[in-house]
N, C-alpha and C. Protein backbone atom coordinates (compact mmCIF):
# COMPACT_ATOMS: atom_id res chain seq x y z
N UNK A 1 79.71 111.70 92.36
CA UNK A 1 80.86 112.36 91.75
C UNK A 1 80.86 112.07 90.25
N UNK A 2 80.97 113.10 89.43
CA UNK A 2 80.94 112.95 87.98
C UNK A 2 82.28 112.40 87.48
N UNK A 3 82.28 111.97 86.19
CA UNK A 3 83.52 111.46 85.60
C UNK A 3 84.59 112.54 85.60
N UNK A 4 84.19 113.79 85.30
CA UNK A 4 85.17 114.89 85.28
C UNK A 4 85.76 115.12 86.66
N UNK A 5 84.92 115.07 87.69
CA UNK A 5 85.39 115.24 89.06
C UNK A 5 86.34 114.11 89.46
N UNK A 6 86.03 112.90 89.00
CA UNK A 6 86.89 111.75 89.31
C UNK A 6 88.27 111.92 88.69
N UNK A 7 88.31 112.36 87.43
CA UNK A 7 89.59 112.59 86.77
C UNK A 7 90.37 113.66 87.52
N UNK A 8 89.71 114.75 87.89
CA UNK A 8 90.38 115.83 88.61
C UNK A 8 90.91 115.34 89.95
N UNK A 9 90.11 114.51 90.64
CA UNK A 9 90.53 113.97 91.94
C UNK A 9 91.81 113.17 91.79
N UNK A 10 91.83 112.20 90.86
CA UNK A 10 92.98 111.33 90.73
C UNK A 10 94.18 112.04 90.11
N UNK A 11 93.94 112.98 89.21
CA UNK A 11 95.06 113.79 88.72
C UNK A 11 95.69 114.55 89.87
N UNK A 12 94.86 115.06 90.78
CA UNK A 12 95.37 115.78 91.93
C UNK A 12 96.16 114.89 92.87
N UNK A 13 95.69 113.64 93.06
CA UNK A 13 96.40 112.70 93.93
C UNK A 13 97.80 112.44 93.40
N UNK A 14 97.91 112.18 92.09
CA UNK A 14 99.22 111.85 91.53
C UNK A 14 100.10 113.08 91.36
N UNK A 15 99.50 114.21 91.05
CA UNK A 15 100.29 115.44 90.91
C UNK A 15 100.91 115.84 92.25
N UNK A 16 100.22 115.51 93.35
CA UNK A 16 100.72 115.88 94.67
C UNK A 16 101.82 114.95 95.17
N UNK A 17 101.96 113.78 94.52
CA UNK A 17 102.99 112.83 94.93
C UNK A 17 104.25 113.04 94.11
N UNK A 18 105.42 113.02 94.73
CA UNK A 18 106.65 113.08 93.94
C UNK A 18 106.72 111.87 93.01
N UNK A 19 107.10 112.09 91.77
CA UNK A 19 107.22 110.99 90.82
C UNK A 19 108.43 110.13 91.20
N UNK A 20 108.24 108.86 91.52
CA UNK A 20 109.37 108.02 91.92
C UNK A 20 110.31 107.77 90.75
N UNK A 21 111.61 107.74 91.03
CA UNK A 21 112.58 107.46 89.98
C UNK A 21 112.48 106.01 89.50
N UNK A 22 112.18 105.12 90.42
CA UNK A 22 112.09 103.70 90.09
C UNK A 22 110.88 103.10 90.81
N UNK A 23 109.68 103.22 90.24
CA UNK A 23 108.48 102.69 90.89
C UNK A 23 108.63 101.19 91.16
N UNK A 24 108.21 100.76 92.35
CA UNK A 24 108.35 99.36 92.73
C UNK A 24 107.11 98.57 92.32
N UNK A 25 107.29 97.31 91.92
CA UNK A 25 106.13 96.47 91.64
C UNK A 25 105.49 96.00 92.94
N UNK A 26 104.22 95.65 92.88
CA UNK A 26 103.54 95.09 94.03
C UNK A 26 104.00 93.66 94.27
N UNK A 27 104.23 93.32 95.52
CA UNK A 27 104.76 92.01 95.86
C UNK A 27 103.84 90.88 95.43
N UNK A 28 102.51 91.11 95.45
CA UNK A 28 101.58 90.05 95.07
C UNK A 28 101.68 89.76 93.57
N UNK A 29 102.00 90.76 92.78
CA UNK A 29 102.21 90.54 91.36
C UNK A 29 103.47 89.71 91.15
N UNK A 30 104.54 90.10 91.80
CA UNK A 30 105.83 89.42 91.62
C UNK A 30 105.72 87.95 92.00
N UNK A 31 105.08 87.66 93.14
CA UNK A 31 105.00 86.28 93.59
C UNK A 31 104.05 85.46 92.72
N UNK A 32 103.11 86.10 92.05
CA UNK A 32 102.17 85.39 91.19
C UNK A 32 102.74 85.13 89.80
N UNK A 33 103.45 86.09 89.26
CA UNK A 33 103.85 86.05 87.85
C UNK A 33 105.23 85.43 87.64
N UNK A 34 106.10 85.51 88.64
CA UNK A 34 107.45 84.95 88.48
C UNK A 34 107.36 83.49 88.05
N UNK A 35 108.02 83.18 86.96
CA UNK A 35 108.02 81.81 86.43
C UNK A 35 107.02 81.57 85.33
N UNK A 36 106.06 82.49 85.13
CA UNK A 36 105.09 82.34 84.04
C UNK A 36 105.72 82.79 82.73
N UNK A 37 105.35 82.14 81.61
CA UNK A 37 105.85 82.61 80.32
C UNK A 37 105.24 83.97 79.99
N UNK A 38 106.01 84.93 79.51
CA UNK A 38 105.46 86.25 79.22
C UNK A 38 104.49 86.22 78.05
N UNK A 39 103.54 87.14 78.09
CA UNK A 39 102.54 87.27 77.03
C UNK A 39 102.01 88.69 77.03
N UNK A 40 100.71 88.82 76.88
CA UNK A 40 100.06 90.14 76.86
C UNK A 40 99.38 90.37 78.21
N UNK A 41 99.67 91.53 78.80
CA UNK A 41 99.12 91.86 80.13
C UNK A 41 98.36 93.16 80.07
N UNK A 42 97.34 93.24 80.91
CA UNK A 42 96.56 94.46 81.09
C UNK A 42 96.64 94.85 82.56
N UNK A 43 97.11 96.07 82.81
CA UNK A 43 97.25 96.58 84.17
C UNK A 43 96.16 97.63 84.39
N UNK A 44 95.16 97.28 85.20
CA UNK A 44 94.03 98.18 85.47
C UNK A 44 94.35 99.05 86.67
N UNK A 45 94.31 100.37 86.49
CA UNK A 45 94.67 101.28 87.57
C UNK A 45 96.17 101.24 87.80
N UNK A 46 96.94 101.58 86.77
CA UNK A 46 98.39 101.37 86.81
C UNK A 46 99.11 102.27 87.79
N UNK A 47 98.52 103.41 88.18
CA UNK A 47 99.15 104.27 89.16
C UNK A 47 100.53 104.73 88.75
N UNK A 48 101.50 104.57 89.64
CA UNK A 48 102.86 105.03 89.37
C UNK A 48 103.60 104.17 88.37
N UNK A 49 103.06 102.99 88.07
CA UNK A 49 103.61 102.19 86.98
C UNK A 49 104.61 101.12 87.36
N UNK A 50 104.80 100.87 88.65
CA UNK A 50 105.78 99.86 89.05
C UNK A 50 105.47 98.48 88.50
N UNK A 51 104.19 98.11 88.48
CA UNK A 51 103.81 96.79 87.98
C UNK A 51 104.06 96.67 86.48
N UNK A 52 103.63 97.68 85.73
CA UNK A 52 103.79 97.64 84.28
C UNK A 52 105.26 97.58 83.88
N UNK A 53 106.10 98.36 84.54
CA UNK A 53 107.52 98.37 84.21
C UNK A 53 108.17 97.03 84.56
N UNK A 54 107.80 96.46 85.69
CA UNK A 54 108.36 95.17 86.09
C UNK A 54 107.94 94.09 85.09
N UNK A 55 106.67 94.08 84.72
CA UNK A 55 106.20 93.09 83.74
C UNK A 55 106.96 93.23 82.43
N UNK A 56 107.15 94.46 81.97
CA UNK A 56 107.86 94.68 80.71
C UNK A 56 109.29 94.16 80.81
N UNK A 57 109.92 94.33 81.94
CA UNK A 57 111.29 93.83 82.11
C UNK A 57 111.34 92.31 82.08
N UNK A 58 110.21 91.66 82.38
CA UNK A 58 110.15 90.20 82.30
C UNK A 58 109.77 89.73 80.89
N UNK A 59 109.55 90.69 79.98
CA UNK A 59 109.23 90.34 78.60
C UNK A 59 107.77 90.43 78.24
N UNK A 60 106.91 90.87 79.16
CA UNK A 60 105.49 91.00 78.88
C UNK A 60 105.23 92.26 78.05
N UNK A 61 104.24 92.19 77.19
CA UNK A 61 103.72 93.36 76.49
C UNK A 61 102.54 93.88 77.32
N UNK A 62 102.65 95.12 77.76
CA UNK A 62 101.72 95.61 78.78
C UNK A 62 100.90 96.79 78.26
N UNK A 63 99.59 96.67 78.40
CA UNK A 63 98.72 97.83 78.24
C UNK A 63 98.35 98.28 79.65
N UNK A 64 98.79 99.47 80.01
CA UNK A 64 98.58 99.99 81.35
C UNK A 64 97.61 101.15 81.29
N UNK A 65 96.55 101.08 82.09
CA UNK A 65 95.51 102.12 82.02
C UNK A 65 95.25 102.70 83.40
N UNK A 66 94.90 103.98 83.40
CA UNK A 66 94.53 104.66 84.65
C UNK A 66 93.57 105.78 84.30
N UNK A 67 92.71 106.13 85.24
CA UNK A 67 91.79 107.25 85.02
C UNK A 67 92.56 108.57 85.00
N UNK A 68 93.73 108.58 85.62
CA UNK A 68 94.53 109.80 85.70
C UNK A 68 95.48 109.92 84.52
N UNK A 69 95.32 110.99 83.75
CA UNK A 69 96.26 111.26 82.67
C UNK A 69 97.65 111.56 83.20
N UNK A 70 97.73 112.14 84.40
CA UNK A 70 99.02 112.41 85.02
C UNK A 70 99.77 111.10 85.24
N UNK A 71 99.09 110.09 85.78
CA UNK A 71 99.71 108.80 86.03
C UNK A 71 100.14 108.13 84.73
N UNK A 72 99.25 108.14 83.73
CA UNK A 72 99.57 107.49 82.45
C UNK A 72 100.75 108.16 81.76
N UNK A 73 100.79 109.48 81.78
CA UNK A 73 101.89 110.20 81.14
C UNK A 73 103.22 109.95 81.86
N UNK A 74 103.18 109.91 83.17
CA UNK A 74 104.40 109.62 83.93
C UNK A 74 104.93 108.22 83.58
N UNK A 75 104.02 107.26 83.52
CA UNK A 75 104.43 105.90 83.21
C UNK A 75 105.02 105.82 81.80
N UNK A 76 104.39 106.47 80.85
CA UNK A 76 104.91 106.48 79.48
C UNK A 76 106.33 107.05 79.45
N UNK A 77 106.55 108.10 80.22
CA UNK A 77 107.88 108.70 80.30
C UNK A 77 108.90 107.76 80.92
N UNK A 78 108.51 107.06 82.00
CA UNK A 78 109.40 106.09 82.63
C UNK A 78 109.75 104.98 81.65
N UNK A 79 108.75 104.48 80.92
CA UNK A 79 108.99 103.38 79.99
C UNK A 79 110.00 103.79 78.92
N UNK A 80 109.84 104.99 78.38
CA UNK A 80 110.78 105.47 77.36
C UNK A 80 112.18 105.63 77.95
N UNK A 81 112.26 106.18 79.14
CA UNK A 81 113.55 106.43 79.77
C UNK A 81 114.31 105.13 80.06
N UNK A 82 113.58 104.04 80.28
CA UNK A 82 114.20 102.77 80.62
C UNK A 82 114.26 101.81 79.43
N UNK A 83 113.99 102.33 78.23
CA UNK A 83 114.07 101.50 77.04
C UNK A 83 112.96 100.49 76.92
N UNK A 84 111.82 100.77 77.54
CA UNK A 84 110.70 99.83 77.53
C UNK A 84 109.49 100.38 76.78
N UNK A 85 109.71 101.46 76.03
CA UNK A 85 108.59 102.10 75.34
C UNK A 85 107.87 101.18 74.38
N UNK A 86 108.59 100.22 73.80
CA UNK A 86 107.96 99.30 72.86
C UNK A 86 107.14 98.22 73.52
N UNK A 87 107.26 98.08 74.85
CA UNK A 87 106.54 97.03 75.57
C UNK A 87 105.43 97.57 76.46
N UNK A 88 105.42 98.87 76.71
CA UNK A 88 104.42 99.47 77.61
C UNK A 88 103.60 100.50 76.85
N UNK A 89 102.31 100.29 76.81
CA UNK A 89 101.37 101.24 76.21
C UNK A 89 100.53 101.80 77.35
N UNK A 90 100.82 103.03 77.77
CA UNK A 90 100.12 103.65 78.90
C UNK A 90 99.07 104.61 78.37
N UNK A 91 97.81 104.35 78.71
CA UNK A 91 96.70 105.14 78.19
C UNK A 91 95.70 105.42 79.31
N UNK A 92 94.87 106.45 79.09
CA UNK A 92 93.86 106.81 80.08
C UNK A 92 92.53 106.17 79.73
N UNK A 93 91.94 105.49 80.69
CA UNK A 93 90.58 104.95 80.60
C UNK A 93 89.94 105.17 81.96
N UNK A 94 88.65 105.49 81.99
CA UNK A 94 88.00 105.62 83.30
C UNK A 94 87.35 104.32 83.74
N UNK A 95 87.28 103.32 82.83
CA UNK A 95 86.73 101.99 83.09
C UNK A 95 85.23 101.99 83.34
N UNK A 96 84.68 103.15 83.64
CA UNK A 96 83.23 103.25 83.79
C UNK A 96 82.58 103.36 82.41
N UNK A 97 83.17 104.17 81.54
CA UNK A 97 82.60 104.35 80.20
C UNK A 97 83.43 103.74 79.10
N UNK A 98 84.67 103.32 79.41
CA UNK A 98 85.54 102.74 78.39
C UNK A 98 86.43 101.68 79.01
N UNK A 99 86.65 100.60 78.26
CA UNK A 99 87.49 99.51 78.70
C UNK A 99 88.42 99.15 77.55
N UNK A 100 89.69 98.88 77.83
CA UNK A 100 90.64 98.59 76.76
C UNK A 100 90.23 97.37 75.93
N UNK A 101 90.44 97.45 74.64
CA UNK A 101 90.17 96.32 73.76
C UNK A 101 91.35 95.35 73.78
N UNK A 102 91.09 94.11 73.40
CA UNK A 102 92.16 93.13 73.26
C UNK A 102 91.92 91.89 74.09
N UNK A 103 92.81 90.91 73.90
CA UNK A 103 92.78 89.66 74.65
C UNK A 103 94.11 89.54 75.38
N UNK A 104 94.05 89.01 76.60
CA UNK A 104 95.22 89.06 77.46
C UNK A 104 95.48 87.72 78.14
N UNK A 105 96.76 87.52 78.47
CA UNK A 105 97.16 86.35 79.24
C UNK A 105 97.18 86.64 80.74
N UNK A 106 97.19 87.92 81.07
CA UNK A 106 97.18 88.35 82.47
C UNK A 106 96.46 89.68 82.56
N UNK A 107 95.54 89.78 83.50
CA UNK A 107 94.96 91.08 83.87
C UNK A 107 95.18 91.25 85.36
N UNK A 108 95.78 92.35 85.74
CA UNK A 108 95.99 92.61 87.17
C UNK A 108 95.30 93.91 87.57
N UNK A 109 94.71 93.89 88.72
CA UNK A 109 94.02 95.06 89.28
C UNK A 109 94.43 95.17 90.74
N UNK A 110 95.39 96.03 91.02
CA UNK A 110 95.87 96.23 92.38
C UNK A 110 95.22 97.47 92.99
N UNK A 111 94.49 97.26 94.07
CA UNK A 111 93.91 98.35 94.87
C UNK A 111 93.05 99.27 93.99
N UNK A 112 92.16 98.64 93.24
CA UNK A 112 91.25 99.37 92.35
C UNK A 112 90.07 99.89 93.16
N UNK A 113 90.37 100.79 94.09
CA UNK A 113 89.37 101.41 94.95
C UNK A 113 89.28 102.88 94.58
N UNK A 114 88.09 103.43 94.65
CA UNK A 114 87.90 104.81 94.24
C UNK A 114 86.68 105.40 94.94
N UNK A 115 86.66 106.71 95.20
CA UNK A 115 85.49 107.32 95.81
C UNK A 115 84.39 107.65 94.81
N UNK A 116 84.66 107.46 93.50
CA UNK A 116 83.62 107.81 92.54
C UNK A 116 82.85 106.56 92.11
N UNK A 117 81.74 106.78 91.43
CA UNK A 117 80.81 105.72 91.08
C UNK A 117 81.45 104.78 90.05
N UNK A 118 81.74 103.55 90.45
CA UNK A 118 82.32 102.56 89.56
C UNK A 118 81.75 101.19 89.91
N UNK A 119 81.15 100.53 88.92
CA UNK A 119 80.65 99.18 89.11
C UNK A 119 81.84 98.24 88.99
N UNK A 120 82.56 98.08 90.09
CA UNK A 120 83.82 97.35 90.06
C UNK A 120 83.63 95.89 89.65
N UNK A 121 82.56 95.27 90.13
CA UNK A 121 82.32 93.88 89.77
C UNK A 121 82.16 93.72 88.27
N UNK A 122 81.47 94.68 87.65
CA UNK A 122 81.28 94.64 86.20
C UNK A 122 82.62 94.81 85.47
N UNK A 123 83.45 95.72 85.96
CA UNK A 123 84.77 95.94 85.36
C UNK A 123 85.61 94.67 85.46
N UNK A 124 85.63 94.04 86.61
CA UNK A 124 86.44 92.84 86.80
C UNK A 124 85.86 91.65 86.02
N UNK A 125 84.55 91.61 85.89
CA UNK A 125 83.92 90.55 85.07
C UNK A 125 84.33 90.72 83.60
N UNK A 126 84.32 91.97 83.14
CA UNK A 126 84.77 92.25 81.77
C UNK A 126 86.22 91.85 81.60
N UNK A 127 87.04 92.13 82.61
CA UNK A 127 88.45 91.75 82.57
C UNK A 127 88.62 90.24 82.47
N UNK A 128 87.82 89.49 83.22
CA UNK A 128 87.90 88.03 83.17
C UNK A 128 87.55 87.52 81.78
N UNK A 129 86.56 88.14 81.15
CA UNK A 129 86.16 87.73 79.80
C UNK A 129 87.19 88.13 78.75
N UNK A 130 88.07 89.07 79.09
CA UNK A 130 89.12 89.48 78.15
C UNK A 130 90.33 88.55 78.20
N UNK A 131 90.32 87.56 79.09
CA UNK A 131 91.42 86.62 79.19
C UNK A 131 91.37 85.59 78.08
N UNK A 132 92.54 85.21 77.60
CA UNK A 132 92.64 84.04 76.73
C UNK A 132 92.53 82.78 77.60
N UNK A 133 92.18 81.64 77.03
CA UNK A 133 92.20 80.39 77.82
C UNK A 133 93.57 80.18 78.45
N UNK A 134 93.57 79.87 79.73
CA UNK A 134 94.81 79.73 80.49
C UNK A 134 95.27 81.01 81.15
N UNK A 135 94.65 82.14 80.79
CA UNK A 135 95.04 83.43 81.36
C UNK A 135 94.54 83.60 82.78
N UNK A 136 95.14 84.56 83.48
CA UNK A 136 94.84 84.77 84.90
C UNK A 136 94.40 86.20 85.17
N UNK A 137 93.44 86.33 86.07
CA UNK A 137 93.00 87.62 86.60
C UNK A 137 93.46 87.69 88.05
N UNK A 138 94.31 88.68 88.34
CA UNK A 138 94.82 88.89 89.70
C UNK A 138 94.21 90.16 90.26
N UNK A 139 93.43 90.01 91.34
CA UNK A 139 92.80 91.15 92.00
C UNK A 139 93.37 91.23 93.41
N UNK A 140 94.02 92.34 93.71
CA UNK A 140 94.58 92.55 95.05
C UNK A 140 93.92 93.80 95.63
N UNK A 141 93.22 93.62 96.73
CA UNK A 141 92.49 94.71 97.38
C UNK A 141 93.10 95.02 98.74
N UNK A 142 92.81 96.21 99.22
CA UNK A 142 93.17 96.54 100.59
C UNK A 142 92.31 95.71 101.56
N UNK A 143 92.97 95.16 102.56
CA UNK A 143 92.25 94.49 103.64
C UNK A 143 92.34 95.26 104.93
N UNK A 144 93.02 96.42 104.88
CA UNK A 144 93.15 97.31 106.03
C UNK A 144 93.51 98.69 105.50
N UNK A 145 93.47 99.67 106.37
CA UNK A 145 93.77 101.05 105.98
C UNK A 145 95.19 101.41 106.39
N UNK A 146 95.99 101.84 105.42
CA UNK A 146 97.35 102.30 105.72
C UNK A 146 97.30 103.76 106.19
N UNK A 147 98.29 104.19 106.97
CA UNK A 147 98.28 105.58 107.48
C UNK A 147 98.28 106.63 106.37
N UNK A 148 98.80 106.29 105.19
CA UNK A 148 98.90 107.26 104.09
C UNK A 148 97.77 107.11 103.07
N UNK A 149 96.82 106.23 103.33
CA UNK A 149 95.72 106.02 102.38
C UNK A 149 94.89 107.29 102.21
N UNK A 150 94.41 107.51 100.96
CA UNK A 150 93.53 108.65 100.72
C UNK A 150 92.19 108.47 101.43
N UNK A 151 91.82 107.23 101.73
CA UNK A 151 90.54 106.94 102.37
C UNK A 151 90.80 106.52 103.83
N UNK A 152 90.52 107.41 104.75
CA UNK A 152 90.73 107.13 106.17
C UNK A 152 89.41 106.91 106.91
N UNK A 153 88.40 106.47 106.19
CA UNK A 153 87.09 106.23 106.79
C UNK A 153 87.19 105.09 107.81
N UNK A 154 86.93 105.37 109.10
CA UNK A 154 87.03 104.32 110.11
C UNK A 154 85.97 103.24 109.95
N UNK A 155 84.94 103.54 109.16
CA UNK A 155 83.87 102.56 108.91
C UNK A 155 84.10 101.79 107.62
N UNK A 156 85.25 101.96 107.00
CA UNK A 156 85.52 101.29 105.74
C UNK A 156 85.41 99.78 105.88
N UNK A 157 84.80 99.16 104.88
CA UNK A 157 84.61 97.71 104.88
C UNK A 157 85.48 97.10 103.79
N UNK A 158 86.09 95.97 104.09
CA UNK A 158 87.01 95.33 103.16
C UNK A 158 86.48 93.94 102.81
N UNK A 159 85.75 93.80 101.69
CA UNK A 159 85.20 92.49 101.32
C UNK A 159 86.29 91.44 101.18
N UNK A 160 86.00 90.24 101.66
CA UNK A 160 86.94 89.13 101.56
C UNK A 160 87.09 88.71 100.10
N UNK A 161 88.21 88.08 99.73
CA UNK A 161 88.39 87.63 98.35
C UNK A 161 87.28 86.72 97.87
N UNK A 162 86.78 85.85 98.75
CA UNK A 162 85.68 84.96 98.36
C UNK A 162 84.43 85.74 98.00
N UNK A 163 84.20 86.86 98.69
CA UNK A 163 83.05 87.70 98.38
C UNK A 163 83.23 88.39 97.04
N UNK A 164 84.44 88.86 96.77
CA UNK A 164 84.74 89.47 95.48
C UNK A 164 84.51 88.46 94.36
N UNK A 165 84.98 87.23 94.55
CA UNK A 165 84.80 86.18 93.55
C UNK A 165 83.31 85.90 93.32
N UNK A 166 82.55 85.87 94.40
CA UNK A 166 81.11 85.61 94.28
C UNK A 166 80.42 86.71 93.49
N UNK A 167 80.82 87.97 93.73
CA UNK A 167 80.22 89.10 93.02
C UNK A 167 80.49 89.05 91.52
N UNK A 168 81.60 88.41 91.11
CA UNK A 168 81.91 88.34 89.68
C UNK A 168 80.98 87.39 88.96
N UNK A 169 80.40 86.43 89.67
CA UNK A 169 79.43 85.49 89.11
C UNK A 169 79.95 84.83 87.83
N UNK A 170 81.18 84.34 87.87
CA UNK A 170 81.78 83.69 86.71
C UNK A 170 81.41 82.21 86.69
N UNK A 171 81.26 81.67 85.51
CA UNK A 171 80.91 80.26 85.33
C UNK A 171 82.08 79.39 85.81
N UNK A 172 81.87 78.56 86.84
CA UNK A 172 82.97 77.73 87.34
C UNK A 172 83.46 76.71 86.33
N UNK A 173 82.70 76.49 85.28
CA UNK A 173 83.14 75.60 84.23
C UNK A 173 84.17 76.23 83.31
N UNK A 174 84.30 77.57 83.38
CA UNK A 174 85.23 78.31 82.51
C UNK A 174 86.30 79.04 83.30
N UNK A 175 85.98 79.43 84.53
CA UNK A 175 86.95 80.14 85.37
C UNK A 175 87.10 79.41 86.70
N UNK A 176 88.33 79.31 87.18
CA UNK A 176 88.59 78.61 88.43
C UNK A 176 89.37 79.51 89.37
N UNK A 177 88.92 79.60 90.61
CA UNK A 177 89.63 80.36 91.63
C UNK A 177 90.85 79.55 92.07
N UNK A 178 92.04 80.12 91.87
CA UNK A 178 93.28 79.45 92.25
C UNK A 178 93.83 79.94 93.58
N UNK A 179 93.42 81.13 93.99
CA UNK A 179 93.91 81.66 95.26
C UNK A 179 92.88 82.64 95.81
N UNK A 180 92.63 82.58 97.10
CA UNK A 180 91.77 83.53 97.79
C UNK A 180 92.20 83.56 99.25
N UNK A 181 93.02 84.56 99.61
CA UNK A 181 93.52 84.61 100.97
C UNK A 181 93.80 86.06 101.37
N UNK A 182 94.30 86.24 102.60
CA UNK A 182 94.50 87.59 103.16
C UNK A 182 95.85 87.67 103.86
N UNK A 183 96.95 87.68 103.11
CA UNK A 183 98.27 87.75 103.73
C UNK A 183 98.59 89.15 104.25
N UNK A 184 99.51 89.20 105.20
CA UNK A 184 100.00 90.48 105.74
C UNK A 184 101.37 90.80 105.16
N UNK A 185 101.72 92.07 105.16
CA UNK A 185 103.03 92.49 104.71
C UNK A 185 103.37 93.85 105.33
N UNK A 186 104.63 94.21 105.27
CA UNK A 186 105.05 95.54 105.68
C UNK A 186 105.12 96.41 104.45
N UNK A 187 104.34 97.48 104.43
CA UNK A 187 104.26 98.36 103.27
C UNK A 187 104.98 99.67 103.56
N UNK A 188 105.46 100.30 102.48
CA UNK A 188 106.11 101.60 102.58
C UNK A 188 105.29 102.62 101.80
N UNK A 189 104.91 103.71 102.45
CA UNK A 189 104.09 104.74 101.82
C UNK A 189 104.90 105.71 101.00
N UNK A 190 104.22 106.62 100.29
CA UNK A 190 104.91 107.60 99.45
C UNK A 190 105.89 108.48 100.21
N UNK A 191 105.64 108.66 101.51
CA UNK A 191 106.53 109.53 102.31
C UNK A 191 107.60 108.75 103.06
N UNK A 192 107.69 107.45 102.79
CA UNK A 192 108.72 106.63 103.41
C UNK A 192 108.31 105.93 104.69
N UNK A 193 107.13 106.25 105.22
CA UNK A 193 106.66 105.56 106.43
C UNK A 193 106.35 104.10 106.12
N UNK A 194 106.47 103.26 107.12
CA UNK A 194 106.13 101.85 106.96
C UNK A 194 105.00 101.47 107.92
N UNK A 195 104.25 100.44 107.54
CA UNK A 195 103.17 99.95 108.39
C UNK A 195 102.81 98.55 107.94
N UNK A 196 102.31 97.74 108.87
CA UNK A 196 101.81 96.42 108.51
C UNK A 196 100.40 96.57 107.95
N UNK A 197 100.17 95.96 106.80
CA UNK A 197 98.86 96.03 106.16
C UNK A 197 98.43 94.63 105.74
N UNK A 198 97.15 94.51 105.43
CA UNK A 198 96.56 93.25 104.98
C UNK A 198 96.17 93.40 103.52
N UNK A 199 96.51 92.41 102.71
CA UNK A 199 96.05 92.35 101.32
C UNK A 199 94.97 91.29 101.21
N UNK A 200 93.97 91.56 100.38
CA UNK A 200 92.99 90.55 100.01
C UNK A 200 93.30 90.13 98.58
N UNK A 201 93.71 88.89 98.39
CA UNK A 201 94.22 88.41 97.12
C UNK A 201 93.26 87.40 96.50
N UNK A 202 92.89 87.67 95.25
CA UNK A 202 92.06 86.76 94.48
C UNK A 202 92.74 86.50 93.15
N UNK A 203 92.96 85.23 92.83
CA UNK A 203 93.55 84.83 91.55
C UNK A 203 92.59 83.87 90.87
N UNK A 204 92.14 84.27 89.68
CA UNK A 204 91.20 83.46 88.92
C UNK A 204 91.84 83.09 87.59
N UNK A 205 91.71 81.83 87.19
CA UNK A 205 92.28 81.38 85.91
C UNK A 205 91.15 80.97 84.96
N UNK A 206 91.27 81.42 83.71
CA UNK A 206 90.31 80.99 82.69
C UNK A 206 90.76 79.63 82.16
N UNK A 207 89.93 78.65 82.29
CA UNK A 207 90.31 77.29 81.91
C UNK A 207 89.80 76.89 80.54
N UNK A 208 88.86 77.66 80.00
CA UNK A 208 88.33 77.28 78.69
C UNK A 208 87.83 78.47 77.92
């Protein structure tokens, strides 16, 4: 799938979904970040923008990126409407050919799965290197398929957090894994349906 096809695919996904009035943050972000001093955050694959808006309300300065211009524009509109335009910078990046510049205290990547060609390990490795000392990389992946997921492949494989960490090949003298587990939760889909799903959670901290 070409870059143009990928953009069209994800623009179509978001255009087909009703724009939520109040996008919700992901629970793994909230439980990880609550209590941390605010700083600069990078939200990879921002989607509907619930994470970026929540971070901004906690005082974080957020650069939120998505391959979909539809998603980025919606988030920018939400930020302005809620008085958070000065804290949220929503821009389009495909992450395959472009990665946001800057140094961050937090990089989060929730459900950064896609059907197009993306060297995800390379993207996440770049994200880890974009952290300031003491900064954290939070990677939350699907550990199961929800009924409303765009990918209903029955053969889908869900790498464990430890495998994701191994693929990043980060120097343990500079980065330390603080969390690697697979909690369950009840999720609500875009159409209001609920289902129990599994998250694969990896939290890495840059120590030097």
